[in-house]
Protein backbone atom coordinates (compact mmCIF):
# COMPACT_ATOMS: atom_id res chain seq x y z
CA MET A 1 29.89 10.87 -10.59
CA LYS A 2 33.01 11.56 -8.59
CA GLY A 3 32.35 11.84 -4.87
CA HIS A 4 28.82 10.46 -5.12
CA SER A 5 27.53 7.07 -4.06
CA PRO A 6 26.67 4.72 -6.94
CA THR A 7 24.09 3.04 -4.70
CA SER A 8 22.13 6.22 -3.95
CA PRO A 9 18.63 6.15 -5.46
CA LEU A 10 19.15 9.75 -6.58
CA SER A 11 22.49 11.56 -6.91
CA ILE A 12 22.53 15.21 -7.91
CA HIS A 13 25.86 16.79 -8.77
CA ALA A 14 26.36 20.58 -9.16
CA LEU A 15 22.88 21.06 -10.68
CA THR A 16 22.03 24.58 -11.84
CA VAL A 17 18.79 25.56 -13.59
CA ALA A 18 18.03 29.00 -14.98
CA TYR A 19 14.92 30.50 -16.58
CA GLN A 20 15.62 33.49 -18.84
CA ARG A 21 19.04 33.87 -17.23
CA LYS A 22 17.57 33.93 -13.72
CA ARG A 23 18.92 31.13 -11.53
CA VAL A 24 16.15 28.98 -10.10
CA LEU A 25 18.50 26.34 -8.69
CA TRP A 26 22.15 26.95 -7.92
CA ASP A 27 24.81 24.27 -7.57
CA VAL A 28 22.59 21.65 -5.90
CA ASP A 29 24.68 18.70 -4.73
CA LEU A 30 22.97 15.80 -2.95
CA ASP A 31 22.94 12.07 -2.42
CA ILE A 32 19.46 10.93 -1.40
CA PRO A 33 19.46 7.98 1.06
CA ALA A 34 17.77 4.72 0.16
CA GLY A 35 14.70 3.31 1.89
CA ALA A 36 13.55 6.62 3.35
CA ILE A 37 10.87 9.29 3.04
CA ILE A 38 12.61 12.54 2.12
CA GLY A 39 11.00 15.98 2.34
CA ILE A 40 12.02 18.88 0.08
CA ILE A 41 11.06 22.00 2.04
CA GLY A 42 11.42 25.70 1.35
CA PRO A 43 9.51 28.90 0.55
CA ASN A 44 7.50 29.56 -2.59
CA GLY A 45 9.81 30.14 -5.52
CA ALA A 46 12.65 28.20 -3.90
CA GLY A 47 12.96 25.78 -6.82
CA LYS A 48 11.44 22.70 -5.16
CA SER A 49 9.24 21.62 -8.09
CA THR A 50 11.97 22.59 -10.53
CA LEU A 51 14.36 20.28 -8.71
CA LEU A 52 12.10 17.28 -9.29
CA LYS A 53 11.50 18.23 -12.92
CA ALA A 54 15.21 18.69 -13.55
CA CYS A 55 15.92 15.24 -12.09
CA LEU A 56 13.33 13.81 -14.50
CA GLY A 57 14.65 15.73 -17.48
CA LEU A 58 11.39 17.71 -17.78
CA VAL A 59 13.34 20.97 -17.58
CA THR A 60 16.79 21.58 -19.00
CA ALA A 61 19.68 22.09 -16.61
CA ALA A 62 22.25 24.79 -17.31
CA SER A 63 24.88 22.54 -15.78
CA GLY A 64 25.26 19.50 -13.56
CA GLN A 65 24.38 15.82 -13.64
CA VAL A 66 21.71 13.55 -12.17
CA SER A 67 21.94 9.78 -11.77
CA VAL A 68 19.46 7.18 -10.56
CA PHE A 69 21.07 4.22 -8.81
CA GLY A 70 24.38 5.27 -10.35
CA LYS A 71 23.14 5.51 -13.95
CA PRO A 72 21.40 8.08 -16.15
CA LEU A 73 17.62 7.98 -15.85
CA SER A 74 17.39 7.23 -19.57
CA ASP A 75 18.99 3.82 -18.95
CA ASP A 76 15.87 2.63 -17.10
CA PRO A 77 13.13 5.25 -16.66
CA THR A 78 10.73 2.68 -15.20
CA ARG A 79 12.65 2.78 -11.90
CA VAL A 80 11.25 6.25 -11.16
CA GLY A 81 7.60 7.07 -10.49
CA TYR A 82 6.40 10.69 -10.65
CA VAL A 83 3.37 12.28 -8.99
CA PRO A 84 2.95 15.82 -10.40
CA GLN A 85 1.13 18.71 -8.78
CA ARG A 86 -2.60 18.23 -9.15
CA GLU A 87 -2.96 21.76 -10.53
CA SER A 88 -0.76 20.88 -13.51
CA VAL A 89 -3.18 18.25 -14.86
CA ASP A 90 -6.03 18.72 -17.36
CA TRP A 91 -8.83 17.11 -15.39
CA ASP A 92 -11.34 17.61 -18.25
CA PHE A 93 -9.59 14.99 -20.37
CA PRO A 94 -12.14 12.18 -21.03
CA VAL A 95 -10.41 9.31 -19.28
CA THR A 96 -11.51 7.00 -16.47
CA VAL A 97 -9.80 6.43 -13.13
CA LEU A 98 -8.71 2.94 -14.19
CA ASP A 99 -7.27 4.29 -17.45
CA VAL A 100 -5.17 6.81 -15.52
CA VAL A 101 -3.79 4.16 -13.17
CA LEU A 102 -3.04 1.80 -16.07
CA MET A 103 -0.80 4.54 -17.50
CA GLY A 104 1.62 3.66 -14.73
CA THR A 105 2.23 0.28 -16.37
CA TYR A 106 2.97 1.58 -19.89
CA GLY A 107 6.70 2.04 -19.36
CA ARG A 108 7.25 -1.68 -18.79
CA LEU A 109 5.06 -2.75 -21.72
CA GLY A 110 7.12 -1.27 -24.52
CA TRP A 111 5.87 -0.07 -27.88
CA LEU A 112 2.50 -1.20 -29.27
CA ARG A 113 1.67 -3.56 -26.40
CA ARG A 114 -1.63 -3.04 -24.65
CA PRO A 115 -2.17 -3.60 -20.91
CA GLY A 116 -3.18 -7.19 -20.17
CA ARG A 117 -4.44 -9.09 -17.15
CA ARG A 118 -1.24 -8.58 -15.19
CA GLU A 119 -1.31 -4.80 -15.68
CA ARG A 120 -5.00 -4.57 -14.87
CA ASP A 121 -4.48 -6.59 -11.69
CA ALA A 122 -1.69 -4.19 -10.67
CA ALA A 123 -3.91 -1.18 -11.37
CA HIS A 124 -6.82 -2.61 -9.37
CA ALA A 125 -4.49 -3.48 -6.47
CA ALA A 126 -3.15 0.08 -6.43
CA LEU A 127 -6.66 1.52 -6.42
CA GLU A 128 -7.64 -0.79 -3.57
CA THR A 129 -4.59 0.34 -1.57
CA LEU A 130 -5.75 3.95 -1.91
CA GLY A 131 -9.40 3.16 -1.20
CA MET A 132 -10.48 4.07 -4.76
CA SER A 133 -11.70 0.75 -6.18
CA ALA A 134 -15.32 1.90 -6.27
CA PHE A 135 -14.38 4.79 -8.57
CA SER A 136 -12.48 2.82 -11.22
CA HIS A 137 -14.96 3.62 -14.02
CA ARG A 138 -15.58 7.24 -12.99
CA GLN A 139 -14.32 10.04 -15.25
CA ILE A 140 -11.29 11.57 -13.54
CA GLY A 141 -12.72 15.11 -13.63
CA GLN A 142 -15.75 14.04 -11.59
CA LEU A 143 -13.64 13.31 -8.51
CA SER A 144 -12.85 15.59 -5.60
CA GLY A 145 -9.35 17.02 -5.26
CA GLY A 146 -8.40 14.47 -2.63
CA GLN A 147 -9.71 11.61 -4.75
CA GLN A 148 -7.78 12.84 -7.78
CA GLN A 149 -4.62 12.92 -5.72
CA ARG A 150 -5.20 9.32 -4.62
CA VAL A 151 -5.62 8.26 -8.25
CA PHE A 152 -2.32 9.83 -9.23
CA LEU A 153 -0.60 8.10 -6.36
CA ALA A 154 -2.22 4.82 -7.43
CA ARG A 155 -0.82 5.36 -10.93
CA ALA A 156 2.66 5.69 -9.44
CA LEU A 157 2.18 2.53 -7.35
CA ALA A 158 1.08 0.58 -10.42
CA GLN A 159 4.41 1.49 -12.00
CA ASP A 160 6.16 -0.53 -9.27
CA ALA A 161 9.12 1.86 -9.18
CA SER A 162 12.10 1.90 -6.83
CA LEU A 163 12.20 5.70 -6.47
CA TYR A 164 9.20 8.03 -6.28
CA LEU A 165 9.27 11.79 -6.85
CA MET A 166 6.12 13.51 -5.58
CA ASP A 167 5.31 17.19 -6.03
CA GLU A 168 3.12 18.49 -3.18
CA PRO A 169 0.98 15.33 -2.78
CA PHE A 170 -0.43 16.62 0.53
CA ALA A 171 -1.52 20.02 -0.84
CA SER A 172 -5.23 20.85 -0.48
CA VAL A 173 -6.37 17.34 0.42
CA ASP A 174 -8.72 16.25 3.19
CA ALA A 175 -7.44 14.65 6.40
CA ALA A 176 -8.41 11.13 5.30
CA THR A 177 -6.48 11.46 2.03
CA GLU A 178 -3.50 12.90 3.87
CA GLN A 179 -3.38 9.86 6.13
CA ALA A 180 -3.88 7.49 3.18
CA ILE A 181 -0.91 9.08 1.38
CA LEU A 182 1.23 8.88 4.50
CA THR A 183 0.35 5.21 4.94
CA VAL A 184 1.42 4.48 1.36
CA LEU A 185 4.70 6.37 1.82
CA ARG A 186 5.51 4.36 4.93
CA ARG A 187 4.67 1.12 3.16
CA LEU A 188 7.01 2.04 0.31
CA ARG A 189 9.76 2.77 2.84
CA ASP A 190 9.17 -0.55 4.59
CA GLU A 191 9.60 -2.26 1.21
CA GLY A 192 13.00 -0.58 0.80
CA ARG A 193 11.84 2.02 -1.70
CA THR A 194 12.56 5.74 -1.58
CA ALA A 195 10.12 8.65 -1.79
CA VAL A 196 11.21 12.26 -2.37
CA VAL A 197 8.33 14.60 -1.53
CA VAL A 198 7.98 18.35 -2.05
CA HIS A 199 6.18 19.63 1.03
CA HIS A 200 5.15 23.01 2.44
CA ASP A 201 3.83 22.33 5.96
CA LEU A 202 6.52 22.74 8.60
CA GLU A 203 4.32 21.46 11.41
CA SER A 204 3.96 17.98 9.91
CA ALA A 205 7.48 17.74 8.46
CA ARG A 206 9.09 16.20 11.54
CA GLU A 207 6.41 13.51 11.75
CA TYR A 208 6.28 12.68 8.05
CA PHE A 209 9.93 12.62 6.96
CA ASP A 210 13.00 10.63 7.90
CA TRP A 211 15.33 12.97 6.04
CA VAL A 212 14.87 16.59 4.93
CA VAL A 213 16.38 18.94 2.35
CA LEU A 214 15.94 22.65 3.12
CA LEU A 215 16.05 24.43 -0.22
CA ASN A 216 16.00 28.07 -1.26
CA THR A 217 17.56 28.12 -4.73
CA ARG A 218 20.55 26.42 -3.12
CA VAL A 219 20.64 23.66 -0.50
CA ILE A 220 20.62 25.25 2.96
CA ALA A 221 20.84 21.96 4.85
CA ALA A 222 20.19 18.26 4.28
CA GLY A 223 20.09 15.34 6.67
CA PRO A 224 17.95 13.57 9.29
CA ALA A 225 14.80 15.56 10.02
CA GLN A 226 15.51 16.01 13.71
CA GLU A 227 18.92 17.50 12.96
CA VAL A 228 17.88 19.73 10.06
CA LEU A 229 14.57 21.18 11.27
CA THR A 230 16.04 23.70 13.70
CA HIS A 231 14.92 27.27 14.12
CA ASP A 232 18.23 28.70 12.89
CA ARG A 233 18.22 26.64 9.70
CA LEU A 234 14.58 27.40 9.03
CA ARG A 235 15.28 31.10 9.45
CA GLU A 236 18.16 30.83 7.00
CA THR A 237 15.88 29.02 4.55
CA TYR A 238 12.85 31.30 4.78
CA GLY A 239 14.54 34.62 5.64
CA GLY A 240 12.07 37.40 6.39
CA ARG A 241 9.19 35.18 5.37
CA LEU A 242 9.72 33.11 8.47
CA ALA A 243 7.76 35.68 10.49
CA LEU A 244 4.56 34.05 9.25
CA LEU A 245 5.92 30.62 10.14
CA ASP A 246 7.64 31.50 13.39
CA GLU A 247 5.02 29.94 15.64
CA ALA A 248 5.25 26.60 13.80
CA ALA A 249 9.03 26.74 13.85
CA GLN A 250 9.03 27.40 17.59
CA ARG A 251 6.82 24.36 18.13
CA LEU A 252 9.28 22.26 16.14
CA GLN A 253 12.12 23.57 18.26
CA GLY A 254 10.15 22.84 21.43
CA ALA A 255 9.45 19.29 20.30
CA GLN A 256 13.13 18.80 19.61
CA GLY A 257 14.02 20.05 23.06
CA GLY A 258 11.47 17.73 24.62
């Protein structure tokens, strides 16, 4: 794509998405940096989840292009791991924790091949990383919300991707799970991988993310977290809704000044 880096893990060019003629995303243009934890932040209805789904081809774009490491995602979909919102999953489906994590290996197996020792070892290693080894034979619906979120992250790790797209992984989880997820994100970054994370908590954004995209249908600002998370840009992103978030935003501004 002209004007975009072919080495960027995720390049988005003039992406517009509309539902029933209502624009949900408008002319989004971004190059995501490599080897970083990136936060996608904005109010409810801003198009954050839609952005991830459009990059994955799960929703149809009205216009624009997306490339992964300079190529269409269809050229090598195994390079991208996806962690959906927990609320979007049917947790009553009769499948075990290990089965869910093994799903992360299917893309590399190809048609009609079943997971073998190598794939099972990868799945067990991912579960161990997330502290979920003891639950490998438990039905997924029997887990707590935080445990379910860990399993979905383990599935993504088992995929061994270069780029991870995560939709609200920190939402409604306990403090221990939140720290476990953050530890995994930092490990991925240290390995040179990239994680793009939809996030809603302004107070933790500065600590969690190296780079931030402020989104409200269009991109308000994008860049290093310390430069982007300013009160003026947050006000532009959230508009009148910032009144409820003003105290958190002021703390961010105070931390920046200190």
